[in-house]
Amino acid sequence: MGSARFRTRRRQLGAIVLAACVVAPIFNVLTSEASAREAWQGVVDGVVISLLVGGYMLFARDGRLRPFFQKLRFWTDLVLSSVIVLVLFLVGRATGKMLTTLDPHRFVMSFTEPHLRYATPFFAVFAVVITFVLQMNRLVGANVLGYFMAGVYHRPRAEERIFLFLDLQGSTRLAEELGSARYFELLRRFVDDVTEPVLQTDAEIYQYAGDEVVVTWTRGCAWPTACGASSAFAPPWPATRPATSASSVPSRASAADSTAARSPAASWAISAGRSSSWATSSTPRPASKSTPSG
């Protein structure tokens, strides 16, 4: 979408390349022969494979091809994406063989090597795991899945956080005018539009509640203004209409905070379901958040 998302994906791709350059040499040494040549081959394979797979997943799958994959069911997407990733694994390995020997024939010959008996099952399992994790991240959020795997929800603790509440303006009227299918497509676009400022300000999505998105920052961020939230969530052009009243549904995190005033939500103004603009009514407020237990 924008520069913030591109920078995030670029950092993720760099991390993937570094991880692959560590794993691939170890895998080659353990499954082929313990030699410097195989270790170097693993480094080259790791770079090529990670650039192909990471580039596809981050810039193609979640870029230009995203609308296509969004139309697929979960399992269809999982199978198709896993097959594509497996093919890229094998192509990347063959390309690595060709680069280290400078022999174009090695590209084809690599598909007949006995080492594939070990490499192919490893690549297949890795492809399914990567695709499944990315799919779950899209459904529940990267931080949520990470917290769950790390056991954070089993060790609840109090945190001081800052919250921003974002709502669709006139959502009831829009749902009646657009119908169910177009309204849910509008909600999807709303979440997509929120992604860029969330990444830009190092925020987290705390929860989705109907047409409401609750964005949160840690207290270490000082205030969202210090992280750039004021400009990131501000409208790029004047709002088409003023913000309406505050959301009436309190979040789980702030329900117990009876002393803090409820911050009015930022509204997403929609004109006939086609064009959009932001109308922010107030700045976020600090609140005490207790990480829920599992």
C-alpha atoms as a PDB file:
ATOM      1  CA  MET A   1       0.000   0.000   0.000  1.00  0.00           C
ATOM      2  CA  GLY A   2       2.442   2.637   1.122  1.00  0.00           C
ATOM      3  CA  SER A   3       5.957   3.307   2.266  1.00  0.00           C
ATOM      4  CA  ALA A   4       5.392   2.059   5.832  1.00  0.00           C
ATOM      5  CA  ARG A   5       4.107  -1.294   4.650  1.00  0.00           C
ATOM      6  CA  PHE A   6       6.951  -1.541   2.105  1.00  0.00           C
ATOM      7  CA  ARG A   7       9.552  -0.848   4.797  1.00  0.00           C
ATOM      8  CA  THR A   8       7.984  -3.439   7.066  1.00  0.00           C
ATOM      9  CA  ARG A   9       7.969  -6.051   4.326  1.00  0.00           C
ATOM     10  CA  ARG A  10      11.548  -5.211   3.409  1.00  0.00           C
ATOM     11  CA  ARG A  11      12.632  -5.760   7.021  1.00  0.00           C
ATOM     12  CA  GLN A  12      10.713  -9.030   7.108  1.00  0.00           C
ATOM     13  CA  LEU A  13      12.386 -10.168   3.892  1.00  0.00           C
ATOM     14  CA  GLY A  14      15.796  -9.336   5.341  1.00  0.00           C
ATOM     15  CA  ALA A  15      15.020 -11.403   8.441  1.00  0.00           C
ATOM     16  CA  ILE A  16      13.866 -14.308   6.262  1.00  0.00           C
ATOM     17  CA  VAL A  17      17.092 -14.199   4.230  1.00  0.00           C
ATOM     18  CA  LEU A  18      19.237 -14.184   7.384  1.00  0.00           C
ATOM     19  CA  ALA A  19      17.321 -17.107   8.878  1.00  0.00           C
ATOM     20  CA  ALA A  20      17.581 -19.099   5.645  1.00  0.00           C
ATOM     21  CA  CYS A  21      21.340 -18.480   5.456  1.00  0.00           C
ATOM     22  CA  VAL A  22      21.653 -20.112   8.880  1.00  0.00           C
ATOM     23  CA  VAL A  23      19.257 -23.038   8.389  1.00  0.00           C
ATOM     24  CA  ALA A  24      20.180 -24.080   4.828  1.00  0.00           C
ATOM     25  CA  PRO A  25      23.922 -24.726   5.429  1.00  0.00           C
ATOM     26  CA  ILE A  26      23.115 -26.795   8.534  1.00  0.00           C
ATOM     27  CA  PHE A  27      20.531 -28.793   6.593  1.00  0.00           C
ATOM     28  CA  ASN A  28      22.965 -29.472   3.732  1.00  0.00           C
ATOM     29  CA  VAL A  29      25.743 -30.569   6.077  1.00  0.00           C
ATOM     30  CA  LEU A  30      23.443 -32.902   8.005  1.00  0.00           C
ATOM     31  CA  THR A  31      21.728 -34.479   4.975  1.00  0.00           C
ATOM     32  CA  SER A  32      24.513 -34.472   2.371  1.00  0.00           C
ATOM     33  CA  GLU A  33      28.125 -34.293   3.568  1.00  0.00           C
ATOM     34  CA  ALA A  34      30.022 -32.369   6.199  1.00  0.00           C
ATOM     35  CA  SER A  35      32.118 -30.112   3.989  1.00  0.00           C
ATOM     36  CA  ALA A  36      32.714 -26.436   3.392  1.00  0.00           C
ATOM     37  CA  ARG A  37      31.455 -26.850  -0.162  1.00  0.00           C
ATOM     38  CA  GLU A  38      28.055 -28.105   1.006  1.00  0.00           C
ATOM     39  CA  ALA A  39      27.879 -25.378   3.640  1.00  0.00           C
ATOM     40  CA  TRP A  40      28.576 -22.709   1.004  1.00  0.00           C
ATOM     41  CA  GLN A  41      26.000 -24.325  -1.283  1.00  0.00           C
ATOM     42  CA  GLY A  42      23.532 -24.036   1.573  1.00  0.00           C
ATOM     43  CA  VAL A  43      24.252 -20.318   1.966  1.00  0.00           C
ATOM     44  CA  VAL A  44      23.671 -19.700  -1.747  1.00  0.00           C
ATOM     45  CA  ASP A  45      20.526 -21.851  -1.739  1.00  0.00           C
ATOM     46  CA  GLY A  46      19.269 -20.026   1.337  1.00  0.00           C
ATOM     47  CA  VAL A  47      19.682 -16.604  -0.262  1.00  0.00           C
ATOM     48  CA  VAL A  48      18.024 -17.582  -3.546  1.00  0.00           C
ATOM     49  CA  ILE A  49      15.187 -19.576  -1.979  1.00  0.00           C
ATOM     50  CA  SER A  50      14.391 -16.956   0.655  1.00  0.00           C
ATOM     51  CA  LEU A  51      14.345 -14.168  -1.934  1.00  0.00           C
ATOM     52  CA  LEU A  52      11.997 -16.155  -4.160  1.00  0.00           C
ATOM     53  CA  VAL A  53       9.673 -17.416  -1.423  1.00  0.00           C
ATOM     54  CA  GLY A  54       9.822 -14.305   0.765  1.00  0.00           C
ATOM     55  CA  GLY A  55       9.461 -11.988  -2.218  1.00  0.00           C
ATOM     56  CA  TYR A  56       6.443 -13.920  -3.440  1.00  0.00           C
ATOM     57  CA  MET A  57       4.710 -14.114  -0.059  1.00  0.00           C
ATOM     58  CA  LEU A  58       5.353 -10.509   0.960  1.00  0.00           C
ATOM     59  CA  PHE A  59       5.168  -8.582  -2.312  1.00  0.00           C
ATOM     60  CA  ALA A  60       3.149 -10.768  -4.712  1.00  0.00           C
ATOM     61  CA  ARG A  61       0.841 -12.860  -2.521  1.00  0.00           C
ATOM     62  CA  ASP A  62       0.091  -9.917  -0.234  1.00  0.00           C
ATOM     63  CA  GLY A  63       0.487  -7.377  -3.048  1.00  0.00           C
ATOM     64  CA  ARG A  64      -0.928  -7.553  -6.546  1.00  0.00           C
ATOM     65  CA  LEU A  65      -2.307 -11.080  -6.077  1.00  0.00           C
ATOM     66  CA  ARG A  66      -4.031 -10.296  -2.802  1.00  0.00           C
ATOM     67  CA  PRO A  67      -7.498  -9.609  -4.312  1.00  0.00           C
ATOM     68  CA  PHE A  68      -7.406 -13.014  -6.033  1.00  0.00           C
ATOM     69  CA  PHE A  69      -6.447 -14.961  -2.907  1.00  0.00           C
ATOM     70  CA  GLN A  70      -8.988 -13.082  -0.785  1.00  0.00           C
ATOM     71  CA  LYS A  71     -11.753 -14.697  -2.831  1.00  0.00           C
ATOM     72  CA  LEU A  72     -10.534 -18.222  -2.029  1.00  0.00           C
ATOM     73  CA  ARG A  73     -11.605 -20.338   0.905  1.00  0.00           C
ATOM     74  CA  PHE A  74      -9.109 -20.927   3.705  1.00  0.00           C
ATOM     75  CA  TRP A  75      -8.167 -24.481   2.734  1.00  0.00           C
ATOM     76  CA  THR A  76      -8.078 -23.706  -0.986  1.00  0.00           C
ATOM     77  CA  ASP A  77      -5.768 -20.789  -0.303  1.00  0.00           C
ATOM     78  CA  LEU A  78      -3.623 -22.945   1.998  1.00  0.00           C
ATOM     79  CA  VAL A  79      -3.190 -25.736  -0.558  1.00  0.00           C
ATOM     80  CA  LEU A  80      -2.582 -23.435  -3.533  1.00  0.00           C
ATOM     81  CA  SER A  81      -0.133 -21.206  -1.668  1.00  0.00           C
ATOM     82  CA  SER A  82       1.728 -24.242  -0.281  1.00  0.00           C
ATOM     83  CA  VAL A  83       2.132 -25.719  -3.751  1.00  0.00           C
ATOM     84  CA  ILE A  84       3.445 -22.414  -5.118  1.00  0.00           C
ATOM     85  CA  VAL A  85       5.892 -22.069  -2.220  1.00  0.00           C
ATOM     86  CA  LEU A  86       7.096 -25.677  -2.710  1.00  0.00           C
ATOM     87  CA  VAL A  87       7.720 -25.025  -6.411  1.00  0.00           C
ATOM     88  CA  LEU A  88       9.658 -21.874  -5.541  1.00  0.00           C
ATOM     89  CA  PHE A  89      11.714 -23.882  -3.043  1.00  0.00           C
ATOM     90  CA  LEU A  90      12.701 -26.383  -5.728  1.00  0.00           C
ATOM     91  CA  VAL A  91      13.364 -23.698  -8.344  1.00  0.00           C
ATOM     92  CA  GLY A  92      15.458 -21.740  -5.849  1.00  0.00           C
ATOM     93  CA  ARG A  93      17.497 -24.826  -4.988  1.00  0.00           C
ATOM     94  CA  ALA A  94      18.108 -25.574  -8.669  1.00  0.00           C
ATOM     95  CA  THR A  95      19.112 -21.953  -9.277  1.00  0.00           C
ATOM     96  CA  GLY A  96      21.544 -22.121  -6.366  1.00  0.00           C
ATOM     97  CA  LYS A  97      23.178 -25.225  -7.852  1.00  0.00           C
ATOM     98  CA  MET A  98      23.534 -23.462 -11.176  1.00  0.00           C
ATOM     99  CA  LEU A  99      25.064 -20.347  -9.615  1.00  0.00           C
ATOM    100  CA  THR A 100      27.725 -22.209  -7.618  1.00  0.00           C
ATOM    101  CA  THR A 101      28.863 -24.290 -10.604  1.00  0.00           C
ATOM    102  CA  LEU A 102      28.213 -21.695 -13.329  1.00  0.00           C
ATOM    103  CA  ASP A 103      26.776 -24.574 -15.367  1.00  0.00           C
ATOM    104  CA  PRO A 104      23.243 -24.049 -16.766  1.00  0.00           C
ATOM    105  CA  HIS A 105      22.780 -27.814 -17.059  1.00  0.00           C
ATOM    106  CA  ARG A 106      22.906 -28.099 -13.281  1.00  0.00           C
ATOM    107  CA  PHE A 107      19.505 -26.424 -13.096  1.00  0.00           C
ATOM    108  CA  VAL A 108      17.808 -29.439 -14.719  1.00  0.00           C
ATOM    109  CA  MET A 109      20.115 -32.051 -13.211  1.00  0.00           C
ATOM    110  CA  SER A 110      19.351 -30.838  -9.700  1.00  0.00           C
ATOM    111  CA  PHE A 111      15.802 -32.205  -9.974  1.00  0.00           C
ATOM    112  CA  THR A 112      17.186 -35.754 -10.305  1.00  0.00           C
ATOM    113  CA  GLU A 113      19.662 -35.677  -7.404  1.00  0.00           C
ATOM    114  CA  PRO A 114      19.252 -38.245  -4.577  1.00  0.00           C
ATOM    115  CA  HIS A 115      19.450 -35.391  -2.058  1.00  0.00           C
ATOM    116  CA  LEU A 116      15.913 -34.422  -3.033  1.00  0.00           C
ATOM    117  CA  ARG A 117      14.682 -37.432  -1.067  1.00  0.00           C
ATOM    118  CA  TYR A 118      15.468 -35.393   2.032  1.00  0.00           C
ATOM    119  CA  ALA A 119      14.980 -31.914   0.651  1.00  0.00           C
ATOM    120  CA  THR A 120      11.511 -32.350  -0.858  1.00  0.00           C
ATOM    121  CA  PRO A 121       9.721 -33.554   2.331  1.00  0.00           C
ATOM    122  CA  PHE A 122      11.498 -30.819   4.309  1.00  0.00           C
ATOM    123  CA  PHE A 123      10.460 -28.181   1.768  1.00  0.00           C
ATOM    124  CA  ALA A 124       6.884 -29.513   1.681  1.00  0.00           C
ATOM    125  CA  VAL A 125       6.435 -29.391   5.469  1.00  0.00           C
ATOM    126  CA  PHE A 126       8.111 -25.993   5.634  1.00  0.00           C
ATOM    127  CA  ALA A 127       5.860 -24.637   2.861  1.00  0.00           C
ATOM    128  CA  VAL A 128       2.674 -25.766   4.622  1.00  0.00           C
ATOM    129  CA  VAL A 129       3.820 -24.405   7.991  1.00  0.00           C
ATOM    130  CA  ILE A 130       4.814 -21.025   6.536  1.00  0.00           C
ATOM    131  CA  THR A 131       1.558 -20.690   4.620  1.00  0.00           C
ATOM    132  CA  PHE A 132      -0.545 -21.749   7.617  1.00  0.00           C
ATOM    133  CA  VAL A 133       1.179 -19.293   9.972  1.00  0.00           C
ATOM    134  CA  LEU A 134       0.751 -16.426   7.512  1.00  0.00           C
ATOM    135  CA  GLN A 135      -2.907 -17.349   7.036  1.00  0.00           C
ATOM    136  CA  MET A 136      -3.507 -17.345  10.789  1.00  0.00           C
ATOM    137  CA  ASN A 137      -1.705 -14.009  11.098  1.00  0.00           C
ATOM    138  CA  ARG A 138      -4.131 -12.511   8.590  1.00  0.00           C
ATOM    139  CA  LEU A 139      -7.116 -13.905  10.497  1.00  0.00           C
ATOM    140  CA  VAL A 140      -6.191 -13.089  14.094  1.00  0.00           C
ATOM    141  CA  GLY A 141      -3.219 -10.723  13.784  1.00  0.00           C
ATOM    142  CA  ALA A 142       0.513 -11.351  13.985  1.00  0.00           C
ATOM    143  CA  ASN A 143       0.867 -10.162  17.572  1.00  0.00           C
ATOM    144  CA  VAL A 144      -2.090 -12.217  18.771  1.00  0.00           C
ATOM    145  CA  LEU A 145      -0.684 -15.434  17.293  1.00  0.00           C
ATOM    146  CA  GLY A 146       2.764 -14.622  18.673  1.00  0.00           C
ATOM    147  CA  TYR A 147       1.372 -13.934  22.142  1.00  0.00           C
ATOM    148  CA  PHE A 148      -0.596 -17.187  22.035  1.00  0.00           C
ATOM    149  CA  MET A 149       2.439 -19.272  20.991  1.00  0.00           C
ATOM    150  CA  ALA A 150       4.614 -17.601  23.636  1.00  0.00           C
ATOM    151  CA  GLY A 151       2.053 -18.307  26.371  1.00  0.00           C
ATOM    152  CA  VAL A 152       1.459 -14.632  27.164  1.00  0.00           C
ATOM    153  CA  TYR A 153      -2.280 -15.186  27.638  1.00  0.00           C
ATOM    154  CA  HIS A 154      -1.580 -17.752  30.349  1.00  0.00           C
ATOM    155  CA  ARG A 155       0.350 -15.177  32.389  1.00  0.00           C
ATOM    156  CA  PRO A 156      -1.918 -12.106  32.585  1.00  0.00           C
ATOM    157  CA  ARG A 157      -0.339  -8.861  33.714  1.00  0.00           C
ATOM    158  CA  ALA A 158      -1.403  -5.232  33.885  1.00  0.00           C
ATOM    159  CA  GLU A 159      -0.119  -2.866  31.196  1.00  0.00           C
ATOM    160  CA  GLU A 160      -0.566   0.859  30.701  1.00  0.00           C
ATOM    161  CA  ARG A 161      -1.582   1.410  27.092  1.00  0.00           C
ATOM    162  CA  ILE A 162      -3.047   4.105  24.874  1.00  0.00           C
ATOM    163  CA  PHE A 163      -6.178   3.354  22.865  1.00  0.00           C
ATOM    164  CA  LEU A 164      -7.734   4.795  19.742  1.00  0.00           C
ATOM    165  CA  PHE A 165     -11.256   3.765  18.713  1.00  0.00           C
ATOM    166  CA  LEU A 166     -12.127   3.805  15.014  1.00  0.00           C
ATOM    167  CA  ASP A 167     -15.692   3.395  13.747  1.00  0.00           C
ATOM    168  CA  LEU A 168     -17.481   3.524  10.429  1.00  0.00           C
ATOM    169  CA  GLN A 169     -19.612   6.649  10.273  1.00  0.00           C
ATOM    170  CA  GLY A 170     -23.268   5.850   9.619  1.00  0.00           C
ATOM    171  CA  SER A 171     -22.670   2.092   9.474  1.00  0.00           C
ATOM    172  CA  THR A 172     -26.325   1.145  10.009  1.00  0.00           C
ATOM    173  CA  ARG A 173     -27.488   3.299   7.102  1.00  0.00           C
ATOM    174  CA  LEU A 174     -24.657   2.004   4.918  1.00  0.00           C
ATOM    175  CA  ALA A 175     -25.538  -1.622   5.686  1.00  0.00           C
ATOM    176  CA  GLU A 176     -29.147  -0.984   4.648  1.00  0.00           C
ATOM    177  CA  GLU A 177     -28.181   0.854   1.451  1.00  0.00           C
ATOM    178  CA  LEU A 178     -25.359  -1.424   0.287  1.00  0.00           C
ATOM    179  CA  GLY A 179     -26.675  -4.835   1.285  1.00  0.00           C
ATOM    180  CA  SER A 180     -24.754  -7.555   3.102  1.00  0.00           C
ATOM    181  CA  ALA A 181     -22.217  -8.473   0.412  1.00  0.00           C
ATOM    182  CA  ARG A 182     -21.167  -4.918  -0.482  1.00  0.00           C
ATOM    183  CA  TYR A 183     -21.191  -3.844   3.176  1.00  0.00           C
ATOM    184  CA  PHE A 184     -18.780  -6.597   4.208  1.00  0.00           C
ATOM    185  CA  GLU A 185     -16.586  -5.700   1.252  1.00  0.00           C
ATOM    186  CA  LEU A 186     -16.627  -2.141   2.608  1.00  0.00           C
ATOM    187  CA  LEU A 187     -15.530  -3.424   6.034  1.00  0.00           C
ATOM    188  CA  ARG A 188     -12.661  -5.273   4.371  1.00  0.00           C
ATOM    189  CA  ARG A 189     -11.578  -2.077   2.615  1.00  0.00           C
ATOM    190  CA  PHE A 190     -11.855  -0.209   5.899  1.00  0.00           C
ATOM    191  CA  VAL A 191      -9.480  -2.651   7.613  1.00  0.00           C
ATOM    192  CA  ASP A 192      -7.092  -2.455   4.643  1.00  0.00           C
ATOM    193  CA  ASP A 193      -7.023   1.345   4.880  1.00  0.00           C
ATOM    194  CA  VAL A 194      -6.299   1.182   8.609  1.00  0.00           C
ATOM    195  CA  THR A 195      -3.305  -1.119   8.054  1.00  0.00           C
ATOM    196  CA  GLU A 196      -0.979   1.565   6.699  1.00  0.00           C
ATOM    197  CA  PRO A 197      -1.172   4.021   9.649  1.00  0.00           C
ATOM    198  CA  VAL A 198      -1.031   1.089  12.099  1.00  0.00           C
ATOM    199  CA  LEU A 199       2.272  -0.057  10.582  1.00  0.00           C
ATOM    200  CA  GLN A 200       3.552   3.491  10.303  1.00  0.00           C
ATOM    201  CA  THR A 201       3.061   4.204  14.019  1.00  0.00           C
ATOM    202  CA  ASP A 202       4.105   0.791  15.413  1.00  0.00           C
ATOM    203  CA  ALA A 203       0.603   0.264  16.768  1.00  0.00           C
ATOM    204  CA  GLU A 204      -1.264  -2.974  17.444  1.00  0.00           C
ATOM    205  CA  ILE A 205      -4.827  -4.001  16.645  1.00  0.00           C
ATOM    206  CA  TYR A 206      -6.342  -4.791  20.019  1.00  0.00           C
ATOM    207  CA  GLN A 207      -9.712  -6.005  18.760  1.00  0.00           C
ATOM    208  CA  TYR A 208     -12.335  -5.851  16.034  1.00  0.00           C
ATOM    209  CA  ALA A 209     -15.885  -5.229  17.243  1.00  0.00           C
ATOM    210  CA  GLY A 210     -18.303  -5.137  14.338  1.00  0.00           C
ATOM    211  CA  ASP A 211     -17.365  -2.035  12.368  1.00  0.00           C
ATOM    212  CA  GLU A 212     -15.066  -0.803  15.156  1.00  0.00           C
ATOM    213  CA  VAL A 213     -11.294  -1.260  15.226  1.00  0.00           C
ATOM    214  CA  VAL A 214      -9.456  -0.655  18.503  1.00  0.00           C
ATOM    215  CA  VAL A 215      -5.835   0.409  18.005  1.00  0.00           C
ATOM    216  CA  THR A 216      -3.387   0.415  20.904  1.00  0.00           C
ATOM    217  CA  TRP A 217       0.129   1.591  21.701  1.00  0.00           C
ATOM    218  CA  THR A 218       2.394   0.644  24.596  1.00  0.00           C
ATOM    219  CA  ARG A 219       3.197   3.304  27.181  1.00  0.00           C
ATOM    220  CA  GLY A 220       6.826   3.081  26.063  1.00  0.00           C
ATOM    221  CA  CYS A 221       5.752   4.840  22.907  1.00  0.00           C
ATOM    222  CA  ALA A 222       5.258   7.910  25.181  1.00  0.00           C
ATOM    223  CA  TRP A 223       2.134   9.067  23.304  1.00  0.00           C
ATOM    224  CA  PRO A 224       0.803   8.243  19.847  1.00  0.00           C
ATOM    225  CA  THR A 225       1.725  11.794  18.825  1.00  0.00           C
ATOM    226  CA  ALA A 226       5.364  10.949  19.479  1.00  0.00           C
ATOM    227  CA  CYS A 227       5.038   7.878  17.260  1.00  0.00           C
ATOM    228  CA  GLY A 228       3.495   9.902  14.462  1.00  0.00           C
ATOM    229  CA  ALA A 229      -0.097   8.857  15.036  1.00  0.00           C
ATOM    230  CA  SER A 230      -1.436  12.390  14.727  1.00  0.00           C
ATOM    231  CA  SER A 231      -0.284  12.687  11.133  1.00  0.00           C
ATOM    232  CA  ALA A 232      -0.754   9.014  10.257  1.00  0.00           C
ATOM    233  CA  PHE A 233      -4.415   8.877  11.260  1.00  0.00           C
ATOM    234  CA  ALA A 234      -5.208  12.420  10.154  1.00  0.00           C
ATOM    235  CA  PRO A 235      -7.208  12.862   6.935  1.00  0.00           C
ATOM    236  CA  PRO A 236      -5.119  13.457   3.796  1.00  0.00           C
ATOM    237  CA  TRP A 237      -7.889  15.819   2.704  1.00  0.00           C
ATOM    238  CA  PRO A 238     -10.717  17.595   4.576  1.00  0.00           C
ATOM    239  CA  ALA A 239     -13.404  15.305   5.887  1.00  0.00           C
ATOM    240  CA  THR A 240     -16.609  15.237   3.874  1.00  0.00           C
ATOM    241  CA  ARG A 241     -18.657  15.572   7.023  1.00  0.00           C
ATOM    242  CA  PRO A 242     -18.002  16.069  10.746  1.00  0.00           C
ATOM    243  CA  ALA A 243     -17.487  13.199  13.116  1.00  0.00           C
ATOM    244  CA  THR A 244     -20.552  11.875  14.888  1.00  0.00           C
ATOM    245  CA  SER A 245     -20.980  10.857  18.500  1.00  0.00           C
ATOM    246  CA  ALA A 246     -18.643   8.541  20.342  1.00  0.00           C
ATOM    247  CA  SER A 247     -18.961   4.813  20.113  1.00  0.00           C
ATOM    248  CA  SER A 248     -21.257   3.454  22.788  1.00  0.00           C
ATOM    249  CA  VAL A 249     -19.530   0.087  23.162  1.00  0.00           C
ATOM    250  CA  PRO A 250     -16.649   0.171  25.695  1.00  0.00           C
ATOM    251  CA  SER A 251     -13.631  -2.010  25.042  1.00  0.00           C
ATOM    252  CA  ARG A 252     -12.724  -4.892  27.318  1.00  0.00           C
ATOM    253  CA  ALA A 253      -9.496  -3.157  28.293  1.00  0.00           C
ATOM    254  CA  SER A 254     -11.066   0.105  29.426  1.00  0.00           C
ATOM    255  CA  ALA A 255     -14.295  -1.170  30.947  1.00  0.00           C
ATOM    256  CA  ALA A 256     -12.706  -1.350  34.396  1.00  0.00           C
ATOM    257  CA  ASP A 257     -11.129   2.069  34.093  1.00  0.00           C
ATOM    258  CA  SER A 258     -14.006   4.048  35.579  1.00  0.00           C
ATOM    259  CA  THR A 259     -11.962   7.178  36.255  1.00  0.00           C
ATOM    260  CA  ALA A 260     -10.833   7.819  32.679  1.00  0.00           C
ATOM    261  CA  ALA A 261     -13.130   9.567  30.264  1.00  0.00           C
ATOM    262  CA  ARG A 262     -14.210   7.635  27.164  1.00  0.00           C
ATOM    263  CA  SER A 263     -12.473   8.946  24.042  1.00  0.00           C
ATOM    264  CA  PRO A 264     -14.753   9.583  21.079  1.00  0.00           C
ATOM    265  CA  ALA A 265     -13.945   7.375  18.139  1.00  0.00           C
ATOM    266  CA  ALA A 266     -12.386   8.436  14.907  1.00  0.00           C
ATOM    267  CA  SER A 267     -14.930   7.984  12.131  1.00  0.00           C
ATOM    268  CA  TRP A 268     -14.438   6.654   8.652  1.00  0.00           C
ATOM    269  CA  ALA A 269     -16.724   8.739   6.457  1.00  0.00           C
ATOM    270  CA  ILE A 270     -18.029   6.920   3.377  1.00  0.00           C
ATOM    271  CA  SER A 271     -19.807   8.483   0.449  1.00  0.00           C
ATOM    272  CA  ALA A 272     -22.137   5.970  -1.215  1.00  0.00           C
ATOM    273  CA  GLY A 273     -19.681   3.169  -0.445  1.00  0.00           C
ATOM    274  CA  ARG A 274     -17.187   4.455  -3.036  1.00  0.00           C
ATOM    275  CA  SER A 275     -14.980   7.246  -1.651  1.00  0.00           C
ATOM    276  CA  SER A 276     -13.686   7.661   1.873  1.00  0.00           C
ATOM    277  CA  SER A 277     -12.180  10.242   4.206  1.00  0.00           C
ATOM    278  CA  TRP A 278     -11.164  10.446   7.863  1.00  0.00           C
ATOM    279  CA  ALA A 279     -12.804  12.604  10.524  1.00  0.00           C
ATOM    280  CA  THR A 280     -10.956  12.379  13.827  1.00  0.00           C
ATOM    281  CA  SER A 281     -12.778  13.854  16.784  1.00  0.00           C
ATOM    282  CA  SER A 282     -10.174  13.599  19.545  1.00  0.00           C
ATOM    283  CA  THR A 283      -6.771  12.296  20.558  1.00  0.00           C
ATOM    284  CA  PRO A 284      -6.337   8.872  22.170  1.00  0.00           C
ATOM    285  CA  ARG A 285      -6.279   8.514  25.920  1.00  0.00           C
ATOM    286  CA  PRO A 286      -4.220   6.294  28.216  1.00  0.00           C
ATOM    287  CA  ALA A 287      -5.901   3.351  29.871  1.00  0.00           C
ATOM    288  CA  SER A 288      -4.937   0.361  31.919  1.00  0.00           C
ATOM    289  CA  LYS A 289      -4.983  -2.910  30.048  1.00  0.00           C
ATOM    290  CA  SER A 290      -4.831  -6.345  31.612  1.00  0.00           C
ATOM    291  CA  THR A 291      -3.633  -8.986  29.180  1.00  0.00           C
ATOM    292  CA  PRO A 292      -6.421 -11.631  29.115  1.00  0.00           C
ATOM    293  CA  SER A 293      -5.765 -15.159  30.170  1.00  0.00           C
ATOM    294  CA  GLY A 294      -6.325 -18.067  27.817  1.00  0.00           C
END
